[in-house]
Amino acid sequence: MPDRVDVLGVAFDRVDLPSAVARIVERLDRGERTFVITANPEFVMLARADAGTARIARQADLVVPDGTGVAIASTLLGSAIPRVPGRLLVDALVPPLAVRGTPIFLLGAAPSVAERAADTLRRREPRLRIVGCYAGVAEDDADTVVRVAAASPAVVLVAYGMPKQEAWIARNLASLPSVRLAIGIGGVFDQLAGVQRVPPSVLHHLGLEWLWRLMREPWRWRRQRVLPLFAALVLRRRLLGR
């Protein structure tokens, strides 16, 4: 088992972006199946409250901190791990996947968004082999699994949002024999398609991407209500020394 850091019950891998990419590519080259979760504090809090989500987190082969909150929490708890945002993970995986000719399927987001995201990725890397795009419905496995299986991809990027995308992968990965890598990537297709603007680099470096999203999508405050409790639990664990 790779070295992992516990953040309120969710085990995160101690990797930065380059080493996460290297680990994924090595596993692909060996033909090993890899389930990747890019988790933020909201995911951690959901895993604490929902046994199914907690079980999915334990099933994953690689769990990386998508949000600043997890990275800060790990530092406070004495085992610092860097952020590995899903947006940057996808960007970093594109070149090695293109070089290898790895077939990729883009699943999720709103209708036509995955196709527009695919166009953006192909402009960045013309050699990238995208074998299918489909919005589908996260709960309609009978439809989505057939679509993905027919395309025989080695990689599936799933954009149904947390935790639906992770649940879809956990339910269906075993039924997709061609798939070696599955990643839940949240709103990455929206950003690639231009539906959402990418946060300015200064906000990324300051770790304030969450604030950028909240300003542009005020409805997110309902999901982010758990953040004060997340912070309080981290501080409590630090004070207790465990």
Protein backbone atom coordinates (compact mmCIF):
# COMPACT_ATOMS: atom_id res chain seq x y z
CA MET A 1 0.00 0.00 0.00
CA PRO A 2 1.51 3.35 -1.00
CA ASP A 3 2.19 5.89 1.72
CA ARG A 4 -1.06 7.62 2.64
CA VAL A 5 -2.12 10.46 4.91
CA ASP A 6 -5.36 10.29 6.89
CA VAL A 7 -7.50 13.44 6.74
CA LEU A 8 -10.58 12.94 8.92
CA GLY A 9 -10.97 9.35 7.82
CA VAL A 10 -10.11 9.63 4.12
CA ALA A 11 -6.68 8.32 3.13
CA PHE A 12 -4.85 10.57 0.66
CA ASP A 13 -1.77 9.50 -1.28
CA ARG A 14 1.39 11.43 -0.50
CA VAL A 15 2.05 12.56 -4.09
CA ASP A 16 2.42 15.85 -5.94
CA LEU A 17 1.17 16.42 -9.49
CA PRO A 18 4.24 15.04 -11.34
CA SER A 19 4.45 11.94 -9.16
CA ALA A 20 0.69 11.35 -9.44
CA VAL A 21 0.99 11.44 -13.23
CA ALA A 22 4.04 9.17 -13.12
CA ARG A 23 2.24 6.64 -10.93
CA ILE A 24 -0.83 6.62 -13.20
CA VAL A 25 1.24 6.22 -16.37
CA GLU A 26 3.35 3.44 -14.82
CA ARG A 27 0.21 1.55 -13.87
CA LEU A 28 -1.22 2.04 -17.36
CA ASP A 29 1.97 0.75 -18.94
CA ARG A 30 1.77 -2.34 -16.70
CA GLY A 31 -1.88 -2.87 -17.60
CA GLU A 32 -3.05 -2.30 -14.03
CA ARG A 33 -6.52 -0.90 -13.41
CA THR A 34 -6.54 2.46 -11.60
CA PHE A 35 -9.44 4.32 -9.98
CA VAL A 36 -8.54 7.92 -9.13
CA ILE A 37 -10.49 10.25 -6.82
CA THR A 38 -9.72 13.96 -6.70
CA ALA A 39 -11.23 14.80 -3.32
CA ASN A 40 -11.98 18.12 -1.62
CA PRO A 41 -13.20 18.86 1.94
CA GLU A 42 -16.80 18.38 0.84
CA PHE A 43 -15.96 14.83 -0.25
CA VAL A 44 -14.22 14.18 3.08
CA MET A 45 -17.24 15.37 5.03
CA LEU A 46 -19.59 13.30 2.89
CA ALA A 47 -17.44 10.22 3.48
CA ARG A 48 -17.74 10.84 7.22
CA ALA A 49 -21.53 10.97 6.96
CA ASP A 50 -22.17 8.32 4.30
CA ALA A 51 -20.85 4.78 4.59
CA GLY A 52 -21.18 4.20 0.83
CA THR A 53 -18.96 7.16 -0.02
CA ALA A 54 -16.43 6.09 2.62
CA ARG A 55 -16.34 2.61 1.09
CA ILE A 56 -15.76 4.08 -2.38
CA ALA A 57 -12.85 6.16 -1.03
CA ARG A 58 -11.26 2.98 0.34
CA GLN A 59 -11.68 1.23 -3.03
CA ALA A 60 -9.79 3.91 -4.96
CA ASP A 61 -6.23 3.21 -6.04
CA LEU A 62 -5.20 6.86 -5.87
CA VAL A 63 -6.81 9.64 -3.80
CA VAL A 64 -5.41 13.15 -4.26
CA PRO A 65 -6.42 16.51 -2.73
CA ASP A 66 -8.29 18.56 -5.28
CA GLY A 67 -8.95 21.38 -2.83
CA THR A 68 -6.78 23.74 -0.81
CA GLY A 69 -8.63 22.77 2.35
CA VAL A 70 -7.34 19.21 2.31
CA ALA A 71 -3.76 20.35 1.71
CA ILE A 72 -3.96 22.81 4.62
CA ALA A 73 -5.59 20.19 6.84
CA SER A 74 -2.83 17.68 6.12
CA THR A 75 -0.21 20.28 7.10
CA LEU A 76 -1.99 21.04 10.36
CA LEU A 77 -2.21 17.33 11.09
CA GLY A 78 1.54 16.94 10.63
CA SER A 79 1.76 15.19 7.24
CA ALA A 80 1.67 17.79 4.48
CA ILE A 81 0.50 16.73 1.04
CA PRO A 82 0.35 19.06 -1.98
CA ARG A 83 -2.75 19.86 -4.02
CA VAL A 84 -3.38 17.88 -7.20
CA PRO A 85 -6.36 19.68 -8.80
CA GLY A 86 -8.36 17.59 -11.27
CA ARG A 87 -8.03 20.31 -13.91
CA LEU A 88 -4.25 20.20 -13.76
CA LEU A 89 -4.17 16.41 -13.53
CA VAL A 90 -6.09 16.10 -16.80
CA ASP A 91 -3.81 18.67 -18.47
CA ALA A 92 -0.72 16.79 -17.29
CA LEU A 93 -2.01 13.40 -18.45
CA VAL A 94 -2.84 14.54 -21.99
CA PRO A 95 0.74 14.45 -23.40
CA PRO A 96 1.68 10.94 -22.20
CA LEU A 97 -1.72 9.56 -23.23
CA ALA A 98 -1.35 11.16 -26.66
CA VAL A 99 2.13 9.75 -27.17
CA ARG A 100 0.88 6.26 -26.31
CA GLY A 101 -2.23 6.53 -28.48
CA THR A 102 -4.33 5.59 -25.47
CA PRO A 103 -8.08 5.54 -26.30
CA ILE A 104 -10.06 7.92 -24.09
CA PHE A 105 -13.78 8.32 -23.41
CA LEU A 106 -15.30 11.55 -22.04
CA LEU A 107 -18.43 10.81 -20.00
CA GLY A 108 -20.76 13.26 -18.29
CA ALA A 109 -21.43 17.00 -18.06
CA ALA A 110 -24.32 18.63 -19.93
CA PRO A 111 -25.22 17.61 -23.52
CA SER A 112 -22.56 18.67 -26.07
CA VAL A 113 -20.12 19.82 -23.37
CA ALA A 114 -17.95 16.69 -23.53
CA GLU A 115 -17.75 17.05 -27.33
CA ARG A 116 -16.60 20.66 -27.01
CA ALA A 117 -14.09 19.66 -24.35
CA ALA A 118 -12.80 16.97 -26.71
CA ASP A 119 -12.32 19.57 -29.44
CA THR A 120 -10.26 21.70 -27.06
CA LEU A 121 -8.09 18.75 -26.06
CA ARG A 122 -7.53 17.77 -29.70
CA ARG A 123 -6.43 21.31 -30.55
CA ARG A 124 -3.92 21.16 -27.71
CA GLU A 125 -2.69 17.71 -28.67
CA PRO A 126 -3.72 16.52 -32.18
CA ARG A 127 -2.41 13.02 -31.49
CA LEU A 128 -4.85 12.52 -28.62
CA ARG A 129 -7.13 9.58 -29.34
CA ILE A 130 -10.65 10.33 -28.09
CA VAL A 131 -12.93 7.42 -28.99
CA GLY A 132 -16.20 8.69 -27.55
CA CYS A 133 -18.11 11.46 -25.79
CA TYR A 134 -21.45 11.12 -24.08
CA ALA A 135 -23.39 13.11 -21.49
CA GLY A 136 -25.72 10.39 -20.30
CA VAL A 137 -27.23 10.24 -16.82
CA ALA A 138 -25.15 9.19 -13.83
CA GLU A 139 -27.79 6.79 -12.54
CA ASP A 140 -28.60 5.16 -15.91
CA ASP A 141 -25.94 2.45 -15.95
CA ALA A 142 -27.77 0.41 -18.58
CA ASP A 143 -27.24 3.25 -21.06
CA THR A 144 -23.84 4.67 -20.09
CA VAL A 145 -22.04 1.35 -19.59
CA VAL A 146 -23.16 0.11 -23.01
CA ARG A 147 -21.95 3.34 -24.65
CA VAL A 148 -18.57 3.23 -22.98
CA ALA A 149 -18.06 -0.50 -23.51
CA ALA A 150 -18.84 -0.18 -27.23
CA ALA A 151 -16.00 2.33 -27.65
CA SER A 152 -13.45 0.11 -25.83
CA PRO A 153 -11.50 2.95 -24.19
CA ALA A 154 -8.56 2.42 -21.89
CA VAL A 155 -9.31 5.68 -20.03
CA VAL A 156 -12.65 7.09 -18.88
CA LEU A 157 -12.91 10.64 -17.56
CA VAL A 158 -16.19 10.98 -15.66
CA ALA A 159 -17.76 14.39 -15.04
CA TYR A 160 -20.95 13.85 -13.08
CA GLY A 161 -19.84 15.82 -10.05
CA MET A 162 -19.03 14.53 -6.58
CA PRO A 163 -20.10 11.93 -5.42
CA LYS A 164 -22.08 10.69 -8.44
CA GLN A 165 -19.00 10.31 -10.62
CA GLU A 166 -17.13 8.28 -8.00
CA ALA A 167 -20.19 6.11 -7.41
CA TRP A 168 -20.53 5.50 -11.17
CA ILE A 169 -16.91 4.37 -11.41
CA ALA A 170 -17.15 2.14 -8.33
CA ARG A 171 -20.31 0.45 -9.66
CA ASN A 172 -19.23 -0.03 -13.24
CA LEU A 173 -15.46 -0.30 -13.56
CA ALA A 174 -15.49 -4.06 -13.22
CA SER A 175 -17.99 -4.26 -16.10
CA LEU A 176 -15.67 -2.40 -18.48
CA PRO A 177 -12.83 -4.81 -19.29
CA SER A 178 -11.01 -2.40 -21.63
CA VAL A 179 -10.82 0.41 -19.06
CA ARG A 180 -7.52 0.67 -17.19
CA LEU A 181 -7.95 4.18 -15.77
CA ALA A 182 -11.05 5.97 -14.49
CA ILE A 183 -11.00 9.44 -12.94
CA GLY A 184 -13.80 11.57 -11.52
CA ILE A 185 -13.03 15.08 -12.74
CA GLY A 186 -15.95 17.28 -11.68
CA GLY A 187 -16.24 20.46 -13.75
CA VAL A 188 -13.15 19.98 -15.93
CA PHE A 189 -15.19 19.44 -19.12
CA ASP A 190 -17.05 22.69 -18.44
CA GLN A 191 -13.75 24.53 -18.18
CA LEU A 192 -12.32 22.92 -21.30
CA ALA A 193 -15.51 23.70 -23.22
CA GLY A 194 -15.54 27.32 -22.09
CA VAL A 195 -18.78 26.92 -20.13
CA GLN A 196 -16.86 27.91 -16.99
CA ARG A 197 -13.89 30.24 -16.96
CA VAL A 198 -10.64 28.92 -15.56
CA PRO A 199 -9.69 30.80 -12.36
CA PRO A 200 -6.94 33.40 -12.75
CA SER A 201 -3.50 31.98 -12.01
CA VAL A 202 -3.03 34.29 -9.02
CA LEU A 203 -6.11 32.77 -7.34
CA HIS A 204 -4.82 29.28 -8.10
CA HIS A 205 -1.47 30.03 -6.49
CA LEU A 206 -3.23 31.53 -3.46
CA GLY A 207 -5.44 28.50 -3.16
CA LEU A 208 -8.61 30.52 -3.67
CA GLU A 209 -10.17 28.63 -6.56
CA TRP A 210 -13.06 27.71 -4.25
CA LEU A 211 -13.82 31.42 -3.79
CA TRP A 212 -13.73 31.99 -7.55
CA ARG A 213 -16.26 29.20 -8.08
CA LEU A 214 -18.47 30.50 -5.29
CA MET A 215 -18.48 34.03 -6.75
CA ARG A 216 -19.48 32.72 -10.18
CA GLU A 217 -21.87 30.04 -8.88
CA PRO A 218 -23.45 31.36 -5.67
CA TRP A 219 -25.57 28.21 -5.31
CA ARG A 220 -22.41 26.42 -4.18
CA TRP A 221 -22.77 27.96 -0.71
CA ARG A 222 -25.15 25.13 0.17
CA ARG A 223 -22.42 22.58 -0.47
CA GLN A 224 -19.77 24.66 1.26
CA ARG A 225 -21.70 24.91 4.52
CA VAL A 226 -19.70 21.90 5.69
CA LEU A 227 -16.38 23.77 5.41
CA PRO A 228 -16.52 25.42 8.89
CA LEU A 229 -17.21 22.02 10.44
CA PHE A 230 -14.37 20.49 8.42
CA ALA A 231 -12.00 23.17 9.74
CA ALA A 232 -13.24 22.70 13.31
CA LEU A 233 -12.73 18.94 13.17
CA VAL A 234 -9.21 19.35 11.79
CA LEU A 235 -8.30 21.82 14.56
CA ARG A 236 -9.81 19.53 17.17
CA ARG A 237 -7.77 16.59 15.93
CA ARG A 238 -4.62 18.71 15.92
CA LEU A 239 -5.24 19.84 19.50
CA LEU A 240 -5.87 16.28 20.59
CA GLY A 241 -2.70 15.18 18.84
CA ARG A 242 -4.28 12.44 16.75
